Amino acid sequence: MRRQPASTLRTTGNQASGFPLLIDGRWCEARDGARFSAHDPYLEQDWGEIADAGPADVDAAVVSAYDAFVDQRWSGLLASERARRLLHLADLIDRNATSLIHQQIFENGKLISEMQPGLAAVAGDCRFFAGLAETLQGATVAPSRPGFTTFTLREPMGVVAAITPWNTPLGLLAWKLFPALAAGNTVVIKPSEVTPTSTLMLAELALEAGIPDGAVNVVTGPARTGAALVGHPLVAKVAFTGSTATGQAIAAQAAGHTARVTLELGGKSPNILFADADVDRAVNGVMAGIFAATGQSCMAGSRVLVHTSLFDRFCEALAERGSRMIAGDPLDAATQLGPLASRAQLQKVLGYFDIARAEGLQCLTGGLRLPHQGYFVAPTVYADVPQDSRLAREEIFGPVAVVMRFDTETQAVAMANNTRYGLAAGIWTEDLRLAHRMIHRLRAGTVWVNNYRIIGHTLPFGGYGLSGIGREMGAAALEAYTETKSVWIDMGNPVEFATGPMGDRHGL
């Protein structure tokens, strides 16, 4: 089957014209004419060209978004009207699902069996936040002084910079774009340079849905593009998903102009099997946690902690199942393992195989590149891995499980929390009391019991420690894109003169 990119933007006519930037509702090339290539990790071939935005392009996009915010062409609409247009966008996402799914696959090699439900979730997320748009409200507050009426308002922040990763380009954009728009903000998106074209296609649908010019802008390019966006003084909020190191750099840069940040970063999450775990079910869950998405997931259950009584049986089953996974074309529904998303990611994972050999780790299966077309590595299982191993402490972002044994609940807690990350955790047990004890003792933003890697828009997602700042999704996510304003209305009291310095009535 000869694979072709699903489409270029309808506004550009044909592939030869490439993928432009979206600034103020218009498609345009980078001012210096620079472009970079889109690359298929399965075919190992370039297939299109994308505009490479420089600082001047970023400035134009941010100014466009700022002007759109100031003149209230979006925030000034009734919340019900913003909701209506977001619902229209959700319908357009459903209507264009095949193109959006395929475009992401051509960019990052993710399986169609994962992308289909993932794209349905994007439309669902859009509808969820459309519904919340009309629920944004402040509160009437009992005044702390007589004769006043006091209340709070929640108002949009302004220009939001949404910087998204390559592993789930539209899914993780949805977590930022839809609540930001529902709250009345305007947005400048900087997608990963690995996966920019699917974002441009979604932005085109936003225009079709009636999102005003300037309310959604897209600048594509490498790290310099993101740095220009984060550092722009008109950006009020940065929402980023990606590596911890990049997130820390973004937080430091954003602090220079006091921009708010939401950071969803890395993880080294534990999947913990107790002595009474259903081993067959747990093997399925562990595979979903580390081999799904070829391990390229921030919530990957990459550290597997197994009670000594189950250790040998579990390791044998996991290695056997992993060795039988079908690697192949991501467009084939029978494929179970896709390629890594880029040559750079392939080299990173192969480098960890070298580290494992240098550390003398016991490899039960995998630990090598698969000998056929595409950036494939074999599903890999290392057993009896020491806690101080680099493979047990560093985020690999590949299909690599490190399995460690424990004897007691206390030991399991200590091992699970022995990380600077804290994004997710899984618990496998039939003991409800044990499960609840572990839920409270684990330092993780999401905990699954007898399952793994299940998420939905009704619950917040985010982590502790190096896994980030703030939460995305859930009803509270809308508030993360607003500022709180306190209001004091004097109901006609006689003027009182303060006794403190500067006329201050509360000593501030």
Protein backbone atom coordinates (compact mmCIF):
# COMPACT_ATOMS: atom_id res chain seq x y z
CA MET A 1 0.00 0.00 0.00
CA ARG A 2 1.55 3.31 -1.09
CA ARG A 3 1.07 5.85 1.65
CA GLN A 4 0.30 9.47 0.85
CA PRO A 5 -0.06 12.34 3.31
CA ALA A 6 -3.75 12.86 3.91
CA SER A 7 -3.79 16.36 2.49
CA THR A 8 -2.17 19.69 2.60
CA LEU A 9 -4.26 22.65 3.65
CA ARG A 10 -7.12 23.22 1.29
CA THR A 11 -6.09 26.87 1.11
CA THR A 12 -2.66 26.02 -0.32
CA GLY A 13 -3.84 24.03 -3.29
CA ASN A 14 -1.22 21.30 -3.55
CA GLN A 15 1.70 19.76 -1.73
CA ALA A 16 4.31 21.62 -3.74
CA SER A 17 3.26 24.84 -2.05
CA GLY A 18 4.00 23.40 1.38
CA PHE A 19 2.46 24.21 4.73
CA PRO A 20 2.39 27.92 5.65
CA LEU A 21 1.98 29.77 8.94
CA LEU A 22 -1.41 30.99 10.14
CA ILE A 23 -1.27 34.59 11.33
CA ASP A 24 -4.31 36.84 11.79
CA GLY A 25 -6.52 34.51 9.77
CA ARG A 26 -4.16 34.47 6.76
CA TRP A 27 -1.84 31.76 5.46
CA CYS A 28 1.67 33.09 4.86
CA GLU A 29 5.23 31.96 4.38
CA ALA A 30 7.97 32.79 6.86
CA ARG A 31 9.28 36.28 6.21
CA ASP A 32 12.75 34.99 5.37
CA GLY A 33 11.33 32.18 3.23
CA ALA A 34 12.84 29.45 5.42
CA ARG A 35 11.29 25.97 5.44
CA PHE A 36 11.96 22.59 6.99
CA SER A 37 10.85 19.07 6.05
CA ALA A 38 8.05 16.85 7.25
CA HIS A 39 9.31 13.29 7.73
CA ASP A 40 7.58 9.88 7.82
CA PRO A 41 9.23 7.67 10.50
CA TYR A 42 7.86 4.49 8.96
CA LEU A 43 9.03 5.14 5.40
CA GLU A 44 12.08 7.12 6.64
CA GLN A 45 11.30 9.70 3.96
CA ASP A 46 10.57 13.41 3.77
CA TRP A 47 7.16 14.19 2.29
CA GLY A 48 6.46 17.92 2.59
CA GLU A 49 7.78 21.33 3.55
CA ILE A 50 6.70 23.57 6.41
CA ALA A 51 7.32 27.27 6.96
CA ASP A 52 10.06 27.91 9.53
CA ALA A 53 8.94 30.88 11.63
CA GLY A 54 11.53 33.34 12.81
CA PRO A 55 11.24 35.99 15.54
CA ALA A 56 9.53 38.47 13.22
CA ASP A 57 6.86 35.91 12.34
CA VAL A 58 6.31 35.09 16.00
CA ASP A 59 5.98 38.77 16.83
CA ALA A 60 3.38 39.19 14.10
CA ALA A 61 1.39 36.23 15.44
CA VAL A 62 1.47 37.45 19.04
CA VAL A 63 0.53 41.01 18.07
CA SER A 64 -2.33 39.60 16.02
CA ALA A 65 -3.56 37.57 19.00
CA TYR A 66 -3.14 40.56 21.31
CA ASP A 67 -5.11 42.85 19.01
CA ALA A 68 -7.85 40.22 18.76
CA PHE A 69 -7.98 40.06 22.54
CA VAL A 70 -8.00 43.82 23.10
CA ASP A 71 -10.79 44.49 20.61
CA GLN A 72 -12.80 41.64 22.18
CA ARG A 73 -13.73 40.03 18.86
CA TRP A 74 -13.67 36.69 20.73
CA SER A 75 -13.84 37.42 24.46
CA GLY A 76 -16.58 39.98 23.84
CA LEU A 77 -18.92 37.36 22.41
CA LEU A 78 -21.56 35.92 24.69
CA ALA A 79 -20.29 32.74 26.31
CA SER A 80 -23.14 30.90 24.61
CA GLU A 81 -21.85 32.08 21.22
CA ARG A 82 -18.30 30.96 21.99
CA ALA A 83 -19.77 27.62 23.01
CA ARG A 84 -21.75 27.37 19.77
CA ARG A 85 -18.67 27.91 17.63
CA LEU A 86 -16.63 25.41 19.64
CA LEU A 87 -19.41 22.86 19.18
CA HIS A 88 -19.27 23.56 15.44
CA LEU A 89 -15.51 22.97 15.58
CA ALA A 90 -16.09 19.63 17.32
CA ASP A 91 -18.44 18.60 14.51
CA LEU A 92 -15.84 19.58 11.92
CA ILE A 93 -13.21 17.52 13.74
CA ASP A 94 -15.51 14.49 13.55
CA ARG A 95 -16.24 15.19 9.89
CA ASN A 96 -12.53 15.41 9.03
CA ALA A 97 -11.42 12.61 11.34
CA THR A 98 -9.79 10.43 8.68
CA SER A 99 -7.56 13.23 7.38
CA LEU A 100 -6.59 14.37 10.87
CA ILE A 101 -5.81 10.81 11.98
CA HIS A 102 -3.71 9.99 8.93
CA GLN A 103 -1.84 13.28 9.03
CA GLN A 104 -0.66 12.57 12.57
CA ILE A 105 0.37 9.04 11.60
CA PHE A 106 2.48 10.33 8.71
CA GLU A 107 4.13 12.75 11.14
CA ASN A 108 4.93 10.51 14.13
CA GLY A 109 4.17 6.90 13.22
CA LYS A 110 1.57 6.30 15.91
CA LEU A 111 -0.80 3.38 15.31
CA ILE A 112 -4.16 3.93 13.66
CA SER A 113 -5.67 1.75 16.39
CA GLU A 114 -4.54 4.39 18.91
CA MET A 115 -5.15 7.46 16.78
CA GLN A 116 -8.80 6.68 16.02
CA PRO A 117 -10.01 6.78 19.65
CA GLY A 118 -7.54 9.59 20.31
CA LEU A 119 -9.10 11.79 17.64
CA ALA A 120 -12.59 11.02 18.91
CA ALA A 121 -11.36 12.21 22.31
CA VAL A 122 -10.21 15.50 20.75
CA ALA A 123 -13.74 16.18 19.52
CA GLY A 124 -15.09 15.13 22.92
CA ASP A 125 -12.70 17.51 24.68
CA CYS A 126 -13.89 20.35 22.46
CA ARG A 127 -17.52 19.65 23.37
CA PHE A 128 -16.66 19.37 27.06
CA PHE A 129 -15.05 22.81 27.20
CA ALA A 130 -17.74 24.30 24.98
CA GLY A 131 -20.20 23.21 27.65
CA LEU A 132 -18.07 24.74 30.38
CA ALA A 133 -17.78 28.10 28.58
CA GLU A 134 -21.14 29.16 30.02
CA THR A 135 -20.28 28.00 33.54
CA LEU A 136 -17.38 30.38 34.15
CA GLN A 137 -18.36 32.49 37.14
CA GLY A 138 -17.06 34.36 40.13
CA ALA A 139 -18.59 34.37 43.59
CA THR A 140 -20.44 36.74 45.86
CA VAL A 141 -18.39 37.07 49.04
CA ALA A 142 -19.54 38.16 52.49
CA PRO A 143 -17.87 41.56 52.99
CA SER A 144 -15.27 41.97 55.69
CA ARG A 145 -16.43 45.56 56.32
CA PRO A 146 -20.00 46.82 56.80
CA GLY A 147 -21.71 48.70 54.01
CA PHE A 148 -19.97 47.03 51.08
CA THR A 149 -20.99 44.53 48.42
CA THR A 150 -18.06 42.32 47.44
CA PHE A 151 -17.67 39.71 44.72
CA THR A 152 -15.15 38.18 42.36
CA LEU A 153 -15.00 37.92 38.57
CA ARG A 154 -13.07 35.43 36.46
CA GLU A 155 -11.73 37.04 33.30
CA PRO A 156 -9.59 35.75 30.40
CA MET A 157 -5.87 36.33 30.67
CA GLY A 158 -5.06 37.51 27.16
CA VAL A 159 -2.64 35.82 24.76
CA VAL A 160 -1.95 32.15 25.53
CA ALA A 161 1.10 30.44 24.04
CA ALA A 162 0.34 26.74 23.54
CA ILE A 163 3.49 24.69 22.93
CA THR A 164 2.77 21.08 22.10
CA PRO A 165 4.82 17.86 21.74
CA TRP A 166 5.12 15.30 18.97
CA ASN A 167 3.84 12.17 20.69
CA THR A 168 0.12 13.11 20.75
CA PRO A 169 -0.02 16.34 18.75
CA LEU A 170 -3.76 17.03 18.56
CA GLY A 171 -4.72 15.32 21.81
CA LEU A 172 -2.37 17.47 23.86
CA LEU A 173 -3.21 20.59 21.86
CA ALA A 174 -6.86 20.01 22.77
CA TRP A 175 -6.00 20.15 26.47
CA LYS A 176 -4.74 23.71 25.96
CA LEU A 177 -6.58 25.22 23.03
CA PHE A 178 -10.16 24.43 24.01
CA PRO A 179 -10.15 25.66 27.63
CA ALA A 180 -8.17 28.74 26.58
CA LEU A 181 -10.75 29.60 23.92
CA ALA A 182 -13.72 28.70 26.12
CA ALA A 183 -12.48 31.22 28.71
CA GLY A 184 -12.19 33.95 26.05
CA ASN A 185 -8.44 34.02 25.47
CA THR A 186 -6.66 34.21 22.14
CA VAL A 187 -3.98 31.66 21.28
CA VAL A 188 -0.68 31.29 19.45
CA ILE A 189 0.22 27.63 18.90
CA LYS A 190 3.76 26.36 18.42
CA PRO A 191 3.58 22.65 17.60
CA SER A 192 6.60 20.37 17.65
CA GLU A 193 8.64 20.64 14.48
CA VAL A 194 8.17 16.85 14.17
CA THR A 195 4.35 17.10 13.98
CA PRO A 196 3.29 20.55 12.74
CA THR A 197 0.98 19.78 9.83
CA SER A 198 -1.88 18.18 11.75
CA THR A 199 -2.03 21.27 13.96
CA LEU A 200 -2.29 23.50 10.90
CA MET A 201 -5.17 21.37 9.64
CA LEU A 202 -7.00 21.70 12.96
CA ALA A 203 -6.43 25.46 12.92
CA GLU A 204 -7.99 25.63 9.47
CA LEU A 205 -11.08 23.93 10.88
CA ALA A 206 -11.16 26.50 13.68
CA LEU A 207 -11.41 29.26 11.07
CA GLU A 208 -14.17 27.37 9.31
CA ALA A 209 -16.02 27.05 12.63
CA GLY A 210 -16.12 30.83 13.02
CA ILE A 211 -13.23 31.41 15.41
CA PRO A 212 -12.30 35.02 14.50
CA ASP A 213 -9.13 35.99 12.68
CA GLY A 214 -6.31 36.42 15.16
CA ALA A 215 -7.92 34.33 17.88
CA VAL A 216 -6.01 31.21 16.77
CA ASN A 217 -2.56 31.55 15.18
CA VAL A 218 0.03 28.87 14.37
CA VAL A 219 3.78 29.39 14.08
CA THR A 220 5.83 26.36 13.10
CA GLY A 221 9.52 25.86 13.63
CA PRO A 222 12.24 24.54 15.95
CA ALA A 223 13.33 25.61 19.42
CA ARG A 224 14.13 29.19 18.37
CA THR A 225 10.47 29.66 17.39
CA GLY A 226 9.31 28.50 20.80
CA ALA A 227 11.85 30.69 22.59
CA ALA A 228 10.68 33.78 20.71
CA LEU A 229 7.08 32.96 21.65
CA VAL A 230 7.70 32.31 25.35
CA GLY A 231 9.79 35.43 25.68
CA HIS A 232 7.32 37.76 24.00
CA PRO A 233 6.15 40.40 26.51
CA LEU A 234 2.54 40.28 25.26
CA VAL A 235 2.16 36.57 26.12
CA ALA A 236 0.17 36.28 29.35
CA LYS A 237 0.23 32.50 29.77
CA VAL A 238 2.34 29.61 28.51
CA ALA A 239 0.89 26.10 28.40
CA PHE A 240 3.56 23.53 27.56
CA THR A 241 3.82 19.76 27.30
CA GLY A 242 7.24 18.23 26.76
CA SER A 243 10.50 17.34 28.43
CA THR A 244 11.32 18.46 31.95
CA ALA A 245 14.49 20.26 30.87
CA THR A 246 12.63 22.29 28.26
CA GLY A 247 9.81 23.00 30.70
CA GLN A 248 12.25 24.35 33.27
CA ALA A 249 13.80 26.63 30.64
CA ILE A 250 10.34 27.85 29.62
CA ALA A 251 9.37 28.58 33.22
CA ALA A 252 12.54 30.61 33.73
CA GLN A 253 12.02 32.60 30.52
CA ALA A 254 8.32 33.20 31.19
CA ALA A 255 9.16 34.50 34.65
CA GLY A 256 11.04 37.36 32.99
CA HIS A 257 7.71 38.99 32.12
CA THR A 258 5.64 37.23 34.81
CA ALA A 259 3.69 35.07 32.38
CA ARG A 260 1.68 32.31 34.04
CA VAL A 261 2.67 28.75 33.19
CA THR A 262 1.12 25.32 33.07
CA LEU A 263 3.77 22.65 32.52
CA GLU A 264 3.00 18.99 31.83
CA LEU A 265 6.42 17.37 31.80
CA GLY A 266 8.11 13.99 32.07
CA GLY A 267 7.60 10.92 34.17
CA LYS A 268 9.14 7.71 35.41
CA SER A 269 5.96 6.15 36.64
CA PRO A 270 5.71 2.94 38.70
CA ASN A 271 3.36 0.05 37.98
CA ILE A 272 3.16 -1.98 41.19
CA LEU A 273 2.08 -5.66 41.35
CA PHE A 274 1.25 -7.05 44.78
CA ALA A 275 1.21 -10.73 45.68
CA ASP A 276 -2.54 -11.10 45.08
CA ALA A 277 -2.52 -9.40 41.66
CA ASP A 278 -4.20 -11.07 38.71
CA VAL A 279 -1.01 -11.70 36.76
CA ASP A 280 -2.56 -12.10 33.31
CA ARG A 281 -4.54 -8.90 33.69
CA ALA A 282 -1.52 -7.11 35.10
CA VAL A 283 0.64 -8.17 32.15
CA ASN A 284 -1.94 -6.60 29.83
CA GLY A 285 -1.92 -3.42 31.90
CA VAL A 286 1.85 -3.19 32.03
CA MET A 287 2.06 -3.68 28.27
CA ALA A 288 -0.48 -0.90 27.77
CA GLY A 289 1.55 1.25 30.13
CA ILE A 290 4.95 0.86 28.47
CA PHE A 291 4.57 -0.67 24.99
CA ALA A 292 1.51 1.28 23.79
CA ALA A 293 2.47 4.38 21.77
CA THR A 294 5.89 2.66 21.46
CA GLY A 295 6.56 3.87 25.00
CA GLN A 296 6.48 7.49 23.84
CA SER A 297 4.11 8.68 26.55
CA CYS A 298 4.70 10.95 29.52
CA MET A 299 2.58 8.63 31.68
CA ALA A 300 4.39 5.46 30.58
CA GLY A 301 4.60 2.88 33.36
CA SER A 302 8.28 2.37 32.76
CA ARG A 303 9.21 1.11 36.26
CA VAL A 304 7.49 -2.19 37.06
CA LEU A 305 7.67 -3.15 40.75
CA VAL A 306 6.72 -6.78 41.33
CA HIS A 307 6.30 -8.72 44.57
CA THR A 308 8.95 -11.43 44.89
CA SER A 309 6.35 -14.20 44.89
CA LEU A 310 5.21 -13.20 41.37
CA PHE A 311 8.48 -11.94 39.97
CA ASP A 312 9.70 -14.85 37.83
CA ARG A 313 6.24 -15.72 36.50
CA PHE A 314 5.48 -12.12 35.62
CA CYS A 315 8.83 -11.43 33.94
CA GLU A 316 8.54 -14.56 31.81
CA ALA A 317 5.02 -13.63 30.70
CA LEU A 318 5.87 -9.98 29.95
CA ALA A 319 8.98 -10.87 27.95
CA GLU A 320 7.15 -13.56 25.99
CA ARG A 321 4.22 -11.28 25.16
CA GLY A 322 6.52 -8.40 24.25
CA SER A 323 8.60 -10.56 21.92
CA ARG A 324 5.46 -11.52 19.97
CA MET A 325 4.24 -7.98 19.29
CA ILE A 326 3.65 -7.27 15.60
CA ALA A 327 5.70 -4.33 14.32
CA GLY A 328 4.70 -2.80 11.01
CA ASP A 329 2.83 -0.15 9.08
CA PRO A 330 0.97 2.13 11.52
CA LEU A 331 -1.93 2.28 9.04
CA ASP A 332 -2.49 -1.48 9.37
CA ALA A 333 -5.03 -2.22 12.10
CA ALA A 334 -3.17 -5.47 12.91
CA THR A 335 0.04 -3.64 13.81
CA GLN A 336 0.79 -3.62 17.55
CA LEU A 337 4.06 -1.66 17.58
CA GLY A 338 4.80 1.45 15.57
CA PRO A 339 8.12 3.14 14.86
CA LEU A 340 9.69 5.73 17.10
CA ALA A 341 8.71 9.18 15.93
CA SER A 342 12.06 10.38 14.61
CA ARG A 343 15.64 9.41 13.91
CA ALA A 344 16.70 11.48 16.93
CA GLN A 345 14.37 9.50 19.21
CA LEU A 346 15.66 6.24 17.74
CA GLN A 347 19.23 7.23 18.54
CA LYS A 348 18.23 8.20 22.08
CA VAL A 349 16.63 4.82 22.78
CA LEU A 350 19.49 2.89 21.19
CA GLY A 351 21.81 4.87 23.46
CA TYR A 352 19.97 3.52 26.50
CA PHE A 353 20.48 -0.02 25.21
CA ASP A 354 24.22 0.75 25.21
CA ILE A 355 23.95 2.06 28.78
CA ALA A 356 22.13 -1.12 29.83
CA ARG A 357 24.93 -3.26 28.41
CA ALA A 358 27.54 -1.13 30.15
CA GLU A 359 25.65 -1.48 33.45
CA GLY A 360 25.39 -5.24 32.98
CA LEU A 361 21.58 -5.32 33.13
CA GLN A 362 19.76 -8.58 32.48
CA CYS A 363 17.83 -8.24 29.21
CA LEU A 364 14.95 -10.71 28.91
CA THR A 365 13.86 -9.57 25.45
CA GLY A 366 14.63 -6.78 23.00
CA GLY A 367 17.44 -4.31 23.54
CA LEU A 368 18.00 -3.82 19.81
CA ARG A 369 16.75 -2.15 16.65
CA LEU A 370 14.42 -4.26 14.54
CA PRO A 371 15.94 -5.13 11.14
CA HIS A 372 13.39 -3.67 8.76
CA GLN A 373 12.14 -0.36 7.40
CA GLY A 374 11.24 2.32 9.92
CA TYR A 375 12.58 3.58 13.24
CA PHE A 376 11.63 0.43 15.13
CA VAL A 377 13.13 -0.96 18.30
CA ALA A 378 12.05 -4.21 19.88
CA PRO A 379 9.85 -4.15 22.99
CA THR A 380 12.43 -4.48 25.74
CA VAL A 381 12.35 -5.90 29.27
CA TYR A 382 15.19 -5.66 31.80
CA ALA A 383 14.88 -7.66 35.02
CA ASP A 384 16.24 -7.10 38.55
CA VAL A 385 17.26 -3.55 37.65
CA PRO A 386 18.95 -1.66 40.53
CA GLN A 387 17.19 1.53 41.66
CA ASP A 388 20.30 3.59 40.90
CA SER A 389 20.49 2.40 37.28
CA ARG A 390 20.13 5.19 34.75
CA LEU A 391 17.41 3.15 33.07
CA ALA A 392 15.47 3.14 36.34
CA ARG A 393 15.87 6.87 36.93
CA GLU A 394 15.78 8.59 33.53
CA GLU A 395 12.87 8.97 31.13
CA ILE A 396 13.70 6.89 28.06
CA PHE A 397 10.52 7.56 26.03
CA GLY A 398 10.62 4.22 24.29
CA PRO A 399 9.21 0.67 24.76
CA VAL A 400 11.59 -0.18 27.57
CA ALA A 401 10.40 -1.70 30.88
CA VAL A 402 12.67 -2.04 33.90
CA VAL A 403 11.38 -4.64 36.37
CA MET A 404 12.33 -4.56 40.06
CA ARG A 405 11.28 -6.79 42.94
CA PHE A 406 9.99 -5.91 46.41
CA ASP A 407 8.91 -7.87 49.49
CA THR A 408 6.78 -5.50 51.61
CA GLU A 409 4.26 -2.72 51.18
CA THR A 410 6.61 -0.26 52.85
CA GLN A 411 9.38 -1.23 50.46
CA ALA A 412 7.05 -0.83 47.48
CA VAL A 413 6.09 2.69 48.57
CA ALA A 414 9.72 3.69 49.07
CA MET A 415 10.73 2.34 45.67
CA ALA A 416 7.76 3.91 43.89
CA ASN A 417 8.46 7.33 45.40
CA ASN A 418 12.21 7.08 44.79
CA THR A 419 12.07 9.46 41.84
CA ARG A 420 12.03 13.20 41.25
CA TYR A 421 9.04 12.69 38.96
CA GLY A 422 5.45 12.14 40.08
CA LEU A 423 3.11 11.95 37.12
CA ALA A 424 1.29 8.62 37.46
CA ALA A 425 1.25 5.23 39.15
CA GLY A 426 -0.53 1.89 38.83
CA ILE A 427 -1.54 -0.53 41.60
CA TRP A 428 -2.48 -4.17 41.00
CA THR A 429 -4.19 -5.87 43.94
CA GLU A 430 -7.51 -7.43 44.96
CA ASP A 431 -7.18 -5.95 48.47
CA LEU A 432 -9.27 -2.77 48.59
CA ARG A 433 -7.75 -1.59 51.86
CA LEU A 434 -4.23 -2.03 50.50
CA ALA A 435 -5.20 -0.13 47.35
CA HIS A 436 -6.50 2.81 49.37
CA ARG A 437 -3.39 2.90 51.54
CA MET A 438 -1.20 3.00 48.44
CA ILE A 439 -3.32 5.69 46.77
CA HIS A 440 -2.68 8.00 49.72
CA ARG A 441 1.03 7.17 50.03
CA LEU A 442 2.08 7.46 46.38
CA ARG A 443 3.41 10.81 45.17
CA ALA A 444 1.66 10.89 41.79
CA GLY A 445 -0.90 13.08 40.08
CA THR A 446 -2.90 10.12 38.74
CA VAL A 447 -3.24 6.66 40.29
CA TRP A 448 -4.89 3.71 38.55
CA VAL A 449 -6.02 0.57 40.38
CA ASN A 450 -6.09 -2.63 38.31
CA ASN A 451 -5.76 -0.64 35.10
CA TYR A 452 -3.35 1.80 33.49
CA ARG A 453 -3.24 4.67 30.98
CA ILE A 454 -6.93 5.55 31.09
CA ILE A 455 -7.69 9.28 30.93
CA GLY A 456 -10.71 11.47 30.25
CA HIS A 457 -11.62 15.13 30.09
CA THR A 458 -13.64 15.09 33.33
CA LEU A 459 -10.59 14.50 35.55
CA PRO A 460 -7.53 16.74 35.89
CA PHE A 461 -4.15 15.50 34.71
CA GLY A 462 -0.71 16.61 35.87
CA GLY A 463 2.05 15.66 38.24
CA TYR A 464 4.24 16.28 41.25
CA GLY A 465 7.89 17.32 41.29
CA LEU A 466 9.68 17.30 37.95
CA SER A 467 6.47 16.16 36.26
CA GLY A 468 5.21 19.71 36.08
CA ILE A 469 3.19 22.62 37.42
CA GLY A 470 -0.59 22.82 37.42
CA ARG A 471 -3.26 20.55 35.99
CA GLU A 472 -4.92 20.19 32.61
CA MET A 473 -8.40 18.87 31.85
CA GLY A 474 -11.30 18.66 34.26
CA ALA A 475 -13.63 21.53 35.10
CA ALA A 476 -10.89 23.37 37.01
CA ALA A 477 -8.77 23.62 33.84
CA LEU A 478 -10.97 26.47 32.64
CA GLU A 479 -9.97 28.53 35.67
CA ALA A 480 -6.29 28.02 34.81
CA TYR A 481 -6.91 30.30 31.80
CA THR A 482 -8.47 33.14 33.80
CA GLU A 483 -7.48 35.81 36.25
CA THR A 484 -9.51 36.53 39.40
CA LYS A 485 -10.68 40.09 39.97
CA SER A 486 -11.98 41.21 43.36
CA VAL A 487 -14.64 43.95 43.45
CA TRP A 488 -15.61 46.24 46.38
CA ILE A 489 -18.73 48.39 45.92
CA ASP A 490 -19.33 51.05 48.57
CA MET A 491 -23.07 51.15 49.25
CA GLY A 492 -23.01 54.79 50.38
CA ASN A 493 -21.18 54.70 53.70
CA PRO A 494 -19.85 57.89 55.26
CA VAL A 495 -16.21 58.31 54.35
CA GLU A 496 -13.88 56.92 56.99
CA PHE A 497 -10.34 58.14 57.22
CA ALA A 498 -7.70 55.48 57.76
CA THR A 499 -5.18 55.87 60.55
CA GLY A 500 -2.38 53.86 58.96
CA PRO A 501 0.34 55.17 56.65
CA MET A 502 -0.68 56.13 53.10
CA GLY A 503 -4.37 55.90 54.06
CA ASP A 504 -4.24 52.10 53.98
CA ARG A 505 -7.16 50.45 55.78
CA HIS A 506 -5.65 46.99 56.17
CA GLY A 507 -2.01 47.59 56.88
CA LEU A 508 -0.82 46.54 53.38
